[in-house]
Amino acid sequence: MYTFLIVLHVIVSILLIVVILMQSSKGGGLSGTFGGAASTAVFGGRGAGSFLSKVTVSLAFAFMVLAIVIGLWGNASEGTGSIVREKAQESGQLSPMTPENIEQTETEPTTEN
């Protein structure tokens, strides 16, 4: 399910980028790809601008909701520890700190040259 949400988030992101690029700006943008009269017939009297604005808002809302859901789900499914620490403990390079280990660490003298 987590992988599905990530894939859906990527698809929504790509669609959002495309829809934003298709909107007309002062320079014209890519909105001319629909054609002059064809856009009126397909998208209604106001043309593609109104339709693309609604699609942009919808995709932006979906993007934000998916980002929040993925963020919350990711935090809940991951452990609270560090993967570096876990790997070091598995290989024996780092032993878990017990009260005996802490006392030995504090009393051992260090010899540095």
PDB file of N, CA and C in Angstrom:
ATOM      1  N   MET A   1       0.822  -1.192   0.000  1.00  0.00           N
ATOM      2  CA  MET A   1       0.000   0.000   0.000  1.00  0.00           C
ATOM      3  C   MET A   1       0.868   1.259   0.000  1.00  0.00           C
ATOM      4  N   TYR A   2       1.960   1.211   0.751  1.00  0.00           N
ATOM      5  CA  TYR A   2       2.870   2.355   0.815  1.00  0.00           C
ATOM      6  C   TYR A   2       3.473   2.627  -0.562  1.00  0.00           C
ATOM      7  N   THR A   3       3.854   1.559  -1.269  1.00  0.00           N
ATOM      8  CA  THR A   3       4.429   1.706  -2.605  1.00  0.00           C
ATOM      9  C   THR A   3       3.390   2.272  -3.565  1.00  0.00           C
ATOM     10  N   PHE A   4       2.162   1.821  -3.449  1.00  0.00           N
ATOM     11  CA  PHE A   4       1.084   2.354  -4.291  1.00  0.00           C
ATOM     12  C   PHE A   4       0.909   3.852  -4.058  1.00  0.00           C
ATOM     13  N   LEU A   5       0.956   4.285  -2.810  1.00  0.00           N
ATOM     14  CA  LEU A   5       0.818   5.714  -2.511  1.00  0.00           C
ATOM     15  C   LEU A   5       1.973   6.527  -3.096  1.00  0.00           C
ATOM     16  N   ILE A   6       3.182   5.963  -3.041  1.00  0.00           N
ATOM     17  CA  ILE A   6       4.338   6.663  -3.610  1.00  0.00           C
ATOM     18  C   ILE A   6       4.183   6.797  -5.128  1.00  0.00           C
ATOM     19  N   VAL A   7       3.775   5.704  -5.786  1.00  0.00           N
ATOM     20  CA  VAL A   7       3.584   5.745  -7.244  1.00  0.00           C
ATOM     21  C   VAL A   7       2.477   6.732  -7.602  1.00  0.00           C
ATOM     22  N   LEU A   8       1.375   6.718  -6.871  1.00  0.00           N
ATOM     23  CA  LEU A   8       0.285   7.651  -7.103  1.00  0.00           C
ATOM     24  C   LEU A   8       0.747   9.094  -6.903  1.00  0.00           C
ATOM     25  N   HIS A   9       1.572   9.319  -5.902  1.00  0.00           N
ATOM     26  CA  HIS A   9       2.098  10.656  -5.634  1.00  0.00           C
ATOM     27  C   HIS A   9       2.974  11.141  -6.788  1.00  0.00           C
ATOM     28  N   VAL A  10       3.784  10.257  -7.333  1.00  0.00           N
ATOM     29  CA  VAL A  10       4.632  10.628  -8.472  1.00  0.00           C
ATOM     30  C   VAL A  10       3.768  10.956  -9.692  1.00  0.00           C
ATOM     31  N   ILE A  11       2.734  10.156  -9.943  1.00  0.00           N
ATOM     32  CA  ILE A  11       1.847  10.414 -11.080  1.00  0.00           C
ATOM     33  C   ILE A  11       1.129  11.752 -10.913  1.00  0.00           C
ATOM     34  N   VAL A  12       0.626  12.022  -9.714  1.00  0.00           N
ATOM     35  CA  VAL A  12      -0.043  13.297  -9.453  1.00  0.00           C
ATOM     36  C   VAL A  12       0.937  14.451  -9.626  1.00  0.00           C
ATOM     37  N   SER A  13       2.179  14.268  -9.208  1.00  0.00           N
ATOM     38  CA  SER A  13       3.190  15.323  -9.353  1.00  0.00           C
ATOM     39  C   SER A  13       3.453  15.634 -10.820  1.00  0.00           C
ATOM     40  N   ILE A  14       3.600  14.591 -11.623  1.00  0.00           N
ATOM     41  CA  ILE A  14       3.862  14.793 -13.054  1.00  0.00           C
ATOM     42  C   ILE A  14       2.666  15.464 -13.724  1.00  0.00           C
ATOM     43  N   LEU A  15       1.450  15.015 -13.401  1.00  0.00           N
ATOM     44  CA  LEU A  15       0.253  15.642 -13.966  1.00  0.00           C
ATOM     45  C   LEU A  15       0.131  17.099 -13.545  1.00  0.00           C
ATOM     46  N   LEU A  16       0.471  17.390 -12.306  1.00  0.00           N
ATOM     47  CA  LEU A  16       0.415  18.770 -11.817  1.00  0.00           C
ATOM     48  C   LEU A  16       1.391  19.652 -12.586  1.00  0.00           C
ATOM     49  N   ILE A  17       2.582  19.151 -12.837  1.00  0.00           N
ATOM     50  CA  ILE A  17       3.573  19.912 -13.610  1.00  0.00           C
ATOM     51  C   ILE A  17       3.055  20.172 -15.020  1.00  0.00           C
ATOM     52  N   VAL A  18       2.502  19.146 -15.652  1.00  0.00           N
ATOM     53  CA  VAL A  18       2.006  19.294 -17.021  1.00  0.00           C
ATOM     54  C   VAL A  18       0.851  20.292 -17.078  1.00  0.00           C
ATOM     55  N   VAL A  19      -0.078  20.201 -16.154  1.00  0.00           N
ATOM     56  CA  VAL A  19      -1.233  21.100 -16.156  1.00  0.00           C
ATOM     57  C   VAL A  19      -0.797  22.542 -15.905  1.00  0.00           C
ATOM     58  N   ILE A  20       0.159  22.736 -15.036  1.00  0.00           N
ATOM     59  CA  ILE A  20       0.640  24.101 -14.777  1.00  0.00           C
ATOM     60  C   ILE A  20       1.330  24.662 -16.012  1.00  0.00           C
ATOM     61  N   LEU A  21       2.100  23.836 -16.701  1.00  0.00           N
ATOM     62  CA  LEU A  21       2.770  24.310 -17.910  1.00  0.00           C
ATOM     63  C   LEU A  21       1.792  24.596 -19.044  1.00  0.00           C
ATOM     64  N   MET A  22       0.653  23.946 -19.043  1.00  0.00           N
ATOM     65  CA  MET A  22      -0.331  24.147 -20.105  1.00  0.00           C
ATOM     66  C   MET A  22      -1.143  25.424 -19.921  1.00  0.00           C
ATOM     67  N   GLN A  23      -1.157  25.982 -18.746  1.00  0.00           N
ATOM     68  CA  GLN A  23      -1.937  27.192 -18.508  1.00  0.00           C
ATOM     69  C   GLN A  23      -1.302  28.366 -19.222  1.00  0.00           C
ATOM     70  N   SER A  24      -2.159  29.242 -19.697  1.00  0.00           N
ATOM     71  CA  SER A  24      -1.643  30.411 -20.417  1.00  0.00           C
ATOM     72  C   SER A  24      -1.095  31.427 -19.422  1.00  0.00           C
ATOM     73  N   SER A  25      -0.048  32.059 -19.837  1.00  0.00           N
ATOM     74  CA  SER A  25       0.539  33.128 -19.039  1.00  0.00           C
ATOM     75  C   SER A  25       0.667  34.343 -19.949  1.00  0.00           C
ATOM     76  N   LYS A  26       1.405  35.331 -19.548  1.00  0.00           N
ATOM     77  CA  LYS A  26       1.590  36.502 -20.401  1.00  0.00           C
ATOM     78  C   LYS A  26       2.304  36.123 -21.700  1.00  0.00           C
ATOM     79  N   GLY A  27       3.145  35.117 -21.629  1.00  0.00           N
ATOM     80  CA  GLY A  27       3.876  34.682 -22.811  1.00  0.00           C
ATOM     81  C   GLY A  27       3.103  33.679 -23.654  1.00  0.00           C
ATOM     82  N   GLY A  28       1.942  33.260 -23.250  1.00  0.00           N
ATOM     83  CA  GLY A  28       1.152  32.332 -24.031  1.00  0.00           C
ATOM     84  C   GLY A  28       1.199  30.913 -23.507  1.00  0.00           C
ATOM     85  N   GLY A  29       2.313  30.471 -22.950  1.00  0.00           N
ATOM     86  CA  GLY A  29       2.412  29.126 -22.391  1.00  0.00           C
ATOM     87  C   GLY A  29       2.196  28.049 -23.428  1.00  0.00           C
ATOM     88  N   LEU A  30       1.809  26.893 -22.994  1.00  0.00           N
ATOM     89  CA  LEU A  30       1.524  25.779 -23.889  1.00  0.00           C
ATOM     90  C   LEU A  30       0.033  25.614 -24.120  1.00  0.00           C
ATOM     91  N   SER A  31      -0.769  26.596 -23.732  1.00  0.00           N
ATOM     92  CA  SER A  31      -2.213  26.455 -23.864  1.00  0.00           C
ATOM     93  C   SER A  31      -2.666  26.481 -25.309  1.00  0.00           C
ATOM     94  N   GLY A  32      -1.829  26.934 -26.205  1.00  0.00           N
ATOM     95  CA  GLY A  32      -2.179  26.958 -27.609  1.00  0.00           C
ATOM     96  C   GLY A  32      -2.238  25.576 -28.229  1.00  0.00           C
ATOM     97  N   THR A  33      -1.833  24.560 -27.513  1.00  0.00           N
ATOM     98  CA  THR A  33      -1.874  23.208 -28.054  1.00  0.00           C
ATOM     99  C   THR A  33      -3.303  22.734 -28.269  1.00  0.00           C
ATOM    100  N   PHE A  34      -4.285  23.366 -27.617  1.00  0.00           N
ATOM    101  CA  PHE A  34      -5.684  22.967 -27.783  1.00  0.00           C
ATOM    102  C   PHE A  34      -6.307  23.601 -29.019  1.00  0.00           C
ATOM    103  N   GLY A  35      -5.701  24.619 -29.552  1.00  0.00           N
ATOM    104  CA  GLY A  35      -6.290  25.291 -30.710  1.00  0.00           C
ATOM    105  C   GLY A  35      -7.283  26.347 -30.276  1.00  0.00           C
ATOM    106  N   GLY A  36      -7.543  27.309 -31.157  1.00  0.00           N
ATOM    107  CA  GLY A  36      -8.407  28.428 -30.803  1.00  0.00           C
ATOM    108  C   GLY A  36      -9.856  28.041 -30.626  1.00  0.00           C
ATOM    109  N   ALA A  37     -10.536  27.634 -31.676  1.00  0.00           N
ATOM    110  CA  ALA A  37     -11.963  27.319 -31.603  1.00  0.00           C
ATOM    111  C   ALA A  37     -12.216  25.968 -30.956  1.00  0.00           C
ATOM    112  N   ALA A  38     -11.262  25.074 -31.073  1.00  0.00           N
ATOM    113  CA  ALA A  38     -11.452  23.735 -30.504  1.00  0.00           C
ATOM    114  C   ALA A  38     -11.520  23.793 -28.983  1.00  0.00           C
ATOM    115  N   SER A  39     -10.749  24.679 -28.373  1.00  0.00           N
ATOM    116  CA  SER A  39     -10.784  24.760 -26.916  1.00  0.00           C
ATOM    117  C   SER A  39     -12.132  25.270 -26.420  1.00  0.00           C
ATOM    118  N   THR A  40     -12.754  26.144 -27.172  1.00  0.00           N
ATOM    119  CA  THR A  40     -14.076  26.635 -26.792  1.00  0.00           C
ATOM    120  C   THR A  40     -15.112  25.517 -26.880  1.00  0.00           C
ATOM    121  N   ALA A  41     -15.003  24.686 -27.906  1.00  0.00           N
ATOM    122  CA  ALA A  41     -15.959  23.597 -28.076  1.00  0.00           C
ATOM    123  C   ALA A  41     -15.771  22.511 -27.020  1.00  0.00           C
ATOM    124  N   VAL A  42     -14.534  22.239 -26.680  1.00  0.00           N
ATOM    125  CA  VAL A  42     -14.254  21.160 -25.745  1.00  0.00           C
ATOM    126  C   VAL A  42     -14.449  21.596 -24.299  1.00  0.00           C
ATOM    127  N   PHE A  43     -13.955  22.757 -23.950  1.00  0.00           N
ATOM    128  CA  PHE A  43     -13.928  23.177 -22.551  1.00  0.00           C
ATOM    129  C   PHE A  43     -15.010  24.181 -22.173  1.00  0.00           C
ATOM    130  N   GLY A  44     -15.858  24.596 -23.092  1.00  0.00           N
ATOM    131  CA  GLY A  44     -16.925  25.529 -22.767  1.00  0.00           C
ATOM    132  C   GLY A  44     -16.586  26.943 -23.216  1.00  0.00           C
ATOM    133  N   GLY A  45     -17.457  27.880 -22.857  1.00  0.00           N
ATOM    134  CA  GLY A  45     -17.332  29.259 -23.306  1.00  0.00           C
ATOM    135  C   GLY A  45     -16.091  29.977 -22.822  1.00  0.00           C
ATOM    136  N   ARG A  46     -15.623  29.671 -21.655  1.00  0.00           N
ATOM    137  CA  ARG A  46     -14.463  30.367 -21.116  1.00  0.00           C
ATOM    138  C   ARG A  46     -13.168  29.755 -21.585  1.00  0.00           C
ATOM    139  N   GLY A  47     -13.230  28.658 -22.333  1.00  0.00           N
ATOM    140  CA  GLY A  47     -12.025  28.053 -22.876  1.00  0.00           C
ATOM    141  C   GLY A  47     -11.333  27.147 -21.881  1.00  0.00           C
ATOM    142  N   ALA A  48     -10.076  26.890 -22.163  1.00  0.00           N
ATOM    143  CA  ALA A  48      -9.307  25.951 -21.361  1.00  0.00           C
ATOM    144  C   ALA A  48      -8.871  26.536 -20.025  1.00  0.00           C
ATOM    145  N   GLY A  49      -8.875  27.834 -19.892  1.00  0.00           N
ATOM    146  CA  GLY A  49      -8.391  28.469 -18.666  1.00  0.00           C
ATOM    147  C   GLY A  49      -9.144  28.029 -17.423  1.00  0.00           C
ATOM    148  N   SER A  50     -10.456  28.044 -17.507  1.00  0.00           N
ATOM    149  CA  SER A  50     -11.268  27.663 -16.353  1.00  0.00           C
ATOM    150  C   SER A  50     -11.093  26.183 -16.023  1.00  0.00           C
ATOM    151  N   PHE A  51     -11.111  25.342 -17.064  1.00  0.00           N
ATOM    152  CA  PHE A  51     -10.948  23.908 -16.862  1.00  0.00           C
ATOM    153  C   PHE A  51      -9.585  23.597 -16.259  1.00  0.00           C
ATOM    154  N   LEU A  52      -8.536  24.207 -16.801  1.00  0.00           N
ATOM    155  CA  LEU A  52      -7.182  23.940 -16.296  1.00  0.00           C
ATOM    156  C   LEU A  52      -7.001  24.461 -14.883  1.00  0.00           C
ATOM    157  N   SER A  53      -7.668  25.543 -14.547  1.00  0.00           N
ATOM    158  CA  SER A  53      -7.589  26.061 -13.174  1.00  0.00           C
ATOM    159  C   SER A  53      -8.203  25.086 -12.188  1.00  0.00           C
ATOM    160  N   LYS A  54      -9.349  24.508 -12.570  1.00  0.00           N
ATOM    161  CA  LYS A  54     -10.007  23.539 -11.687  1.00  0.00           C
ATOM    162  C   LYS A  54      -9.173  22.275 -11.538  1.00  0.00           C
ATOM    163  N   VAL A  55      -8.589  21.821 -12.642  1.00  0.00           N
ATOM    164  CA  VAL A  55      -7.743  20.625 -12.591  1.00  0.00           C
ATOM    165  C   VAL A  55      -6.508  20.888 -11.736  1.00  0.00           C
ATOM    166  N   THR A  56      -5.936  22.083 -11.855  1.00  0.00           N
ATOM    167  CA  THR A  56      -4.757  22.442 -11.064  1.00  0.00           C
ATOM    168  C   THR A  56      -5.071  22.426  -9.574  1.00  0.00           C
ATOM    169  N   VAL A  57      -6.201  23.002  -9.205  1.00  0.00           N
ATOM    170  CA  VAL A  57      -6.594  23.021  -7.788  1.00  0.00           C
ATOM    171  C   VAL A  57      -6.814  21.603  -7.281  1.00  0.00           C
ATOM    172  N   SER A  58      -7.477  20.779  -8.082  1.00  0.00           N
ATOM    173  CA  SER A  58      -7.737  19.398  -7.669  1.00  0.00           C
ATOM    174  C   SER A  58      -6.446  18.613  -7.504  1.00  0.00           C
ATOM    175  N   LEU A  59      -5.547  18.741  -8.465  1.00  0.00           N
ATOM    176  CA  LEU A  59      -4.270  18.019  -8.384  1.00  0.00           C
ATOM    177  C   LEU A  59      -3.408  18.536  -7.228  1.00  0.00           C
ATOM    178  N   ALA A  60      -3.440  19.846  -6.983  1.00  0.00           N
ATOM    179  CA  ALA A  60      -2.675  20.396  -5.868  1.00  0.00           C
ATOM    180  C   ALA A  60      -3.206  19.869  -4.537  1.00  0.00           C
ATOM    181  N   PHE A  61      -4.528  19.778  -4.424  1.00  0.00           N
ATOM    182  CA  PHE A  61      -5.131  19.231  -3.204  1.00  0.00           C
ATOM    183  C   PHE A  61      -4.733  17.764  -3.026  1.00  0.00           C
ATOM    184  N   ALA A  62      -4.812  16.982  -4.115  1.00  0.00           N
ATOM    185  CA  ALA A  62      -4.432  15.565  -4.050  1.00  0.00           C
ATOM    186  C   ALA A  62      -2.956  15.420  -3.693  1.00  0.00           C
ATOM    187  N   PHE A  63      -2.105  16.287  -4.242  1.00  0.00           N
ATOM    188  CA  PHE A  63      -0.675  16.256  -3.947  1.00  0.00           C
ATOM    189  C   PHE A  63      -0.421  16.482  -2.458  1.00  0.00           C
ATOM    190  N   MET A  64      -1.080  17.482  -1.892  1.00  0.00           N
ATOM    191  CA  MET A  64      -0.859  17.796  -0.476  1.00  0.00           C
ATOM    192  C   MET A  64      -1.390  16.699   0.439  1.00  0.00           C
ATOM    193  N   VAL A  65      -2.567  16.168   0.124  1.00  0.00           N
ATOM    194  CA  VAL A  65      -3.130  15.095   0.949  1.00  0.00           C
ATOM    195  C   VAL A  65      -2.235  13.865   0.893  1.00  0.00           C
ATOM    196  N   LEU A  66      -1.781  13.497  -0.316  1.00  0.00           N
ATOM    197  CA  LEU A  66      -0.893  12.342  -0.442  1.00  0.00           C
ATOM    198  C   LEU A  66       0.419  12.564   0.302  1.00  0.00           C
ATOM    199  N   ALA A  67       0.955  13.774   0.232  1.00  0.00           N
ATOM    200  CA  ALA A  67       2.205  14.062   0.942  1.00  0.00           C
ATOM    201  C   ALA A  67       2.034  13.896   2.449  1.00  0.00           C
ATOM    202  N   ILE A  68       0.916  14.367   2.979  1.00  0.00           N
ATOM    203  CA  ILE A  68       0.668  14.233   4.418  1.00  0.00           C
ATOM    204  C   ILE A  68       0.472  12.770   4.806  1.00  0.00           C
ATOM    205  N   VAL A  69      -0.313  12.035   4.009  1.00  0.00           N
ATOM    206  CA  VAL A  69      -0.562  10.627   4.315  1.00  0.00           C
ATOM    207  C   VAL A  69       0.730   9.820   4.249  1.00  0.00           C
ATOM    208  N   ILE A  70       1.525  10.046   3.208  1.00  0.00           N
ATOM    209  CA  ILE A  70       2.795   9.322   3.081  1.00  0.00           C
ATOM    210  C   ILE A  70       3.739   9.682   4.222  1.00  0.00           C
ATOM    211  N   GLY A  71       3.769  10.950   4.601  1.00  0.00           N
ATOM    212  CA  GLY A  71       4.621  11.370   5.707  1.00  0.00           C
ATOM    213  C   GLY A  71       4.222  10.742   7.031  1.00  0.00           C
ATOM    214  N   LEU A  72       2.925  10.719   7.297  1.00  0.00           N
ATOM    215  CA  LEU A  72       2.464  10.119   8.547  1.00  0.00           C
ATOM    216  C   LEU A  72       2.644   8.605   8.546  1.00  0.00           C
ATOM    217  N   TRP A  73       2.351   7.975   7.427  1.00  0.00           N
ATOM    218  CA  TRP A  73       2.490   6.528   7.328  1.00  0.00           C
ATOM    219  C   TRP A  73       3.958   6.127   7.398  1.00  0.00           C
ATOM    220  N   GLY A  74       4.821   6.909   6.781  1.00  0.00           N
ATOM    221  CA  GLY A  74       6.259   6.617   6.813  1.00  0.00           C
ATOM    222  C   GLY A  74       6.831   6.729   8.208  1.00  0.00           C
ATOM    223  N   ASN A  75       6.414   7.718   8.968  1.00  0.00           N
ATOM    224  CA  ASN A  75       6.902   7.867  10.339  1.00  0.00           C
ATOM    225  C   ASN A  75       6.400   6.759  11.238  1.00  0.00           C
ATOM    226  N   ALA A  76       5.181   6.297  11.012  1.00  0.00           N
ATOM    227  CA  ALA A  76       4.610   5.260  11.859  1.00  0.00           C
ATOM    228  C   ALA A  76       5.226   3.898  11.571  1.00  0.00           C
ATOM    229  N   SER A  77       5.604   3.655  10.308  1.00  0.00           N
ATOM    230  CA  SER A  77       6.106   2.326   9.954  1.00  0.00           C
ATOM    231  C   SER A  77       7.593   2.165  10.221  1.00  0.00           C
ATOM    232  N   GLU A  78       8.325   3.250  10.290  1.00  0.00           N
ATOM    233  CA  GLU A  78       9.763   3.158  10.535  1.00  0.00           C
ATOM    234  C   GLU A  78      10.035   3.038  12.027  1.00  0.00           C
ATOM    235  N   GLY A  79      11.154   2.411  12.347  1.00  0.00           N
ATOM    236  CA  GLY A  79      11.565   2.340  13.739  1.00  0.00           C
ATOM    237  C   GLY A  79      12.096   3.683  14.196  1.00  0.00           C
ATOM    238  N   THR A  80      12.233   3.837  15.481  1.00  0.00           N
ATOM    239  CA  THR A  80      12.701   5.115  16.001  1.00  0.00           C
ATOM    240  C   THR A  80      14.219   5.168  16.092  1.00  0.00           C
ATOM    241  N   GLY A  81      14.882   4.031  15.872  1.00  0.00           N
ATOM    242  CA  GLY A  81      16.325   3.989  15.997  1.00  0.00           C
ATOM    243  C   GLY A  81      17.039   4.328  14.696  1.00  0.00           C
ATOM    244  N   SER A  82      18.336   4.385  14.787  1.00  0.00           N
ATOM    245  CA  SER A  82      19.176   4.677  13.642  1.00  0.00           C
ATOM    246  C   SER A  82      19.581   3.383  12.954  1.00  0.00           C
ATOM    247  N   ILE A  83      19.547   3.370  11.641  1.00  0.00           N
ATOM    248  CA  ILE A  83      19.935   2.167  10.917  1.00  0.00           C
ATOM    249  C   ILE A  83      21.439   1.933  11.051  1.00  0.00           C
ATOM    250  N   VAL A  84      22.216   2.982  11.194  1.00  0.00           N
ATOM    251  CA  VAL A  84      23.662   2.836  11.385  1.00  0.00           C
ATOM    252  C   VAL A  84      23.946   2.133  12.710  1.00  0.00           C
ATOM    253  N   ARG A  85      23.229   2.544  13.744  1.00  0.00           N
ATOM    254  CA  ARG A  85      23.411   1.925  15.058  1.00  0.00           C
ATOM    255  C   ARG A  85      22.984   0.460  15.032  1.00  0.00           C
ATOM    256  N   GLU A  86      21.869   0.159  14.344  1.00  0.00           N
ATOM    257  CA  GLU A  86      21.403  -1.225  14.253  1.00  0.00           C
ATOM    258  C   GLU A  86      22.427  -2.098  13.543  1.00  0.00           C
ATOM    259  N   LYS A  87      22.991  -1.623  12.448  1.00  0.00           N
ATOM    260  CA  LYS A  87      23.986  -2.398  11.705  1.00  0.00           C
ATOM    261  C   LYS A  87      25.256  -2.591  12.529  1.00  0.00           C
ATOM    262  N   ALA A  88      25.658  -1.576  13.282  1.00  0.00           N
ATOM    263  CA  ALA A  88      26.847  -1.702  14.125  1.00  0.00           C
ATOM    264  C   ALA A  88      26.621  -2.715  15.239  1.00  0.00           C
ATOM    265  N   GLN A  89      25.435  -2.738  15.814  1.00  0.00           N
ATOM    266  CA  GLN A  89      25.142  -3.713  16.861  1.00  0.00           C
ATOM    267  C   GLN A  89      25.089  -5.124  16.300  1.00  0.00           C
ATOM    268  N   GLU A  90      24.570  -5.274  15.075  1.00  0.00           N
ATOM    269  CA  GLU A  90      24.516  -6.596  14.454  1.00  0.00           C
ATOM    270  C   GLU A  90      25.916  -7.143  14.182  1.00  0.00           C
ATOM    271  N   SER A  91      26.826  -6.280  13.764  1.00  0.00           N
ATOM    272  CA  SER A  91      28.171  -6.740  13.441  1.00  0.00           C
ATOM    273  C   SER A  91      29.057  -6.846  14.683  1.00  0.00           C
ATOM    274  N   GLY A  92      28.597  -6.393  15.816  1.00  0.00           N
ATOM    275  CA  GLY A  92      29.358  -6.500  17.058  1.00  0.00           C
ATOM    276  C   GLY A  92      30.303  -5.341  17.300  1.00  0.00           C
ATOM    277  N   GLN A  93      30.275  -4.337  16.453  1.00  0.00           N
ATOM    278  CA  GLN A  93      31.149  -3.183  16.641  1.00  0.00           C
ATOM    279  C   GLN A  93      30.649  -2.260  17.743  1.00  0.00           C
ATOM    280  N   LEU A  94      29.385  -2.351  18.026  1.00  0.00           N
ATOM    281  CA  LEU A  94      28.785  -1.503  19.053  1.00  0.00           C
ATOM    282  C   LEU A  94      27.950  -2.390  19.954  1.00  0.00           C
ATOM    283  N   SER A  95      28.328  -2.444  21.206  1.00  0.00           N
ATOM    284  CA  SER A  95      27.561  -3.256  22.141  1.00  0.00           C
ATOM    285  C   SER A  95      26.521  -2.376  22.810  1.00  0.00           C
ATOM    286  N   PRO A  96      25.382  -2.938  23.164  1.00  0.00           N
ATOM    287  CA  PRO A  96      24.358  -2.138  23.839  1.00  0.00           C
ATOM    288  C   PRO A  96      24.888  -1.612  25.171  1.00  0.00           C
ATOM    289  N   MET A  97      24.522  -0.394  25.495  1.00  0.00           N
ATOM    290  CA  MET A  97      24.997   0.224  26.733  1.00  0.00           C
ATOM    291  C   MET A  97      24.195  -0.305  27.912  1.00  0.00           C
ATOM    292  N   THR A  98      24.887  -0.991  28.789  1.00  0.00           N
ATOM    293  CA  THR A  98      24.298  -1.466  30.034  1.00  0.00           C
ATOM    294  C   THR A  98      24.978  -0.714  31.163  1.00  0.00           C
ATOM    295  N   PRO A  99      24.433  -0.730  32.360  1.00  0.00           N
ATOM    296  CA  PRO A  99      25.077  -0.013  33.462  1.00  0.00           C
ATOM    297  C   PRO A  99      26.518  -0.465  33.699  1.00  0.00           C
ATOM    298  N   GLU A 100      26.823  -1.740  33.487  1.00  0.00           N
ATOM    299  CA  GLU A 100      28.198  -2.222  33.676  1.00  0.00           C
ATOM    300  C   GLU A 100      29.129  -1.619  32.627  1.00  0.00           C
ATOM    301  N   ASN A 101      28.658  -1.560  31.379  1.00  0.00           N
ATOM    302  CA  ASN A 101      29.479  -0.992  30.311  1.00  0.00           C
ATOM    303  C   ASN A 101      29.723   0.495  30.521  1.00  0.00           C
ATOM    304  N   ILE A 102      28.735   1.194  31.055  1.00  0.00           N
ATOM    305  CA  ILE A 102      28.884   2.628  31.280  1.00  0.00           C
ATOM    306  C   ILE A 102      29.932   2.873  32.358  1.00  0.00           C
ATOM    307  N   GLU A 103      29.902   2.094  33.460  1.00  0.00           N
ATOM    308  CA  GLU A 103      30.884   2.261  34.527  1.00  0.00           C
ATOM    309  C   GLU A 103      32.284   1.938  34.035  1.00  0.00           C
ATOM    310  N   GLN A 104      32.442   0.906  33.225  1.00  0.00           N
ATOM    311  CA  GLN A 104      33.762   0.550  32.703  1.00  0.00           C
ATOM    312  C   GLN A 104      34.275   1.636  31.766  1.00  0.00           C
ATOM    313  N   THR A 105      33.400   2.192  30.972  1.00  0.00           N
ATOM    314  CA  THR A 105      33.806   3.228  30.026  1.00  0.00           C
ATOM    315  C   THR A 105      34.284   4.469  30.756  1.00  0.00           C
ATOM    316  N   GLU A 106      33.636   4.822  31.840  1.00  0.00           N
ATOM    317  CA  GLU A 106      34.008   6.017  32.582  1.00  0.00           C
ATOM    318  C   GLU A 106      35.312   5.835  33.347  1.00  0.00           C
ATOM    319  N   THR A 107      35.638   4.629  33.798  1.00  0.00           N
ATOM    320  CA  THR A 107      36.827   4.423  34.626  1.00  0.00           C
ATOM    321  C   THR A 107      38.053   4.016  33.826  1.00  0.00           C
ATOM    322  N   GLU A 108      37.909   3.601  32.568  1.00  0.00           N
ATOM    323  CA  GLU A 108      39.069   3.193  31.787  1.00  0.00           C
ATOM    324  C   GLU A 108      39.873   4.413  31.377  1.00  0.00           C
ATOM    325  N   PRO A 109      41.184   4.393  31.621  1.00  0.00           N
ATOM    326  CA  PRO A 109      42.003   5.521  31.181  1.00  0.00           C
ATOM    327  C   PRO A 109      42.251   5.435  29.669  1.00  0.00           C
ATOM    328  N   THR A 110      42.371   6.583  29.084  1.00  0.00           N
ATOM    329  CA  THR A 110      42.652   6.619  27.657  1.00  0.00           C
ATOM    330  C   THR A 110      44.122   6.947  27.459  1.00  0.00           C
ATOM    331  N   THR A 111      44.736   6.277  26.533  1.00  0.00           N
ATOM    332  CA  THR A 111      46.151   6.543  26.221  1.00  0.00           C
ATOM    333  C   THR A 111      46.248   7.082  24.818  1.00  0.00           C
ATOM    334  N   GLU A 112      46.553   8.351  24.719  1.00  0.00           N
ATOM    335  CA  GLU A 112      46.712   8.996  23.423  1.00  0.00           C
ATOM    336  C   GLU A 112      48.139   9.493  23.317  1.00  0.00           C
ATOM    337  N   ASN A 113      48.710   9.359  22.153  1.00  0.00           N
ATOM    338  CA  ASN A 113      50.101   9.807  21.933  1.00  0.00           C
ATOM    339  C   ASN A 113      50.144  11.207  21.443  1.00  0.00           C
TER     340      ASN A 113
END
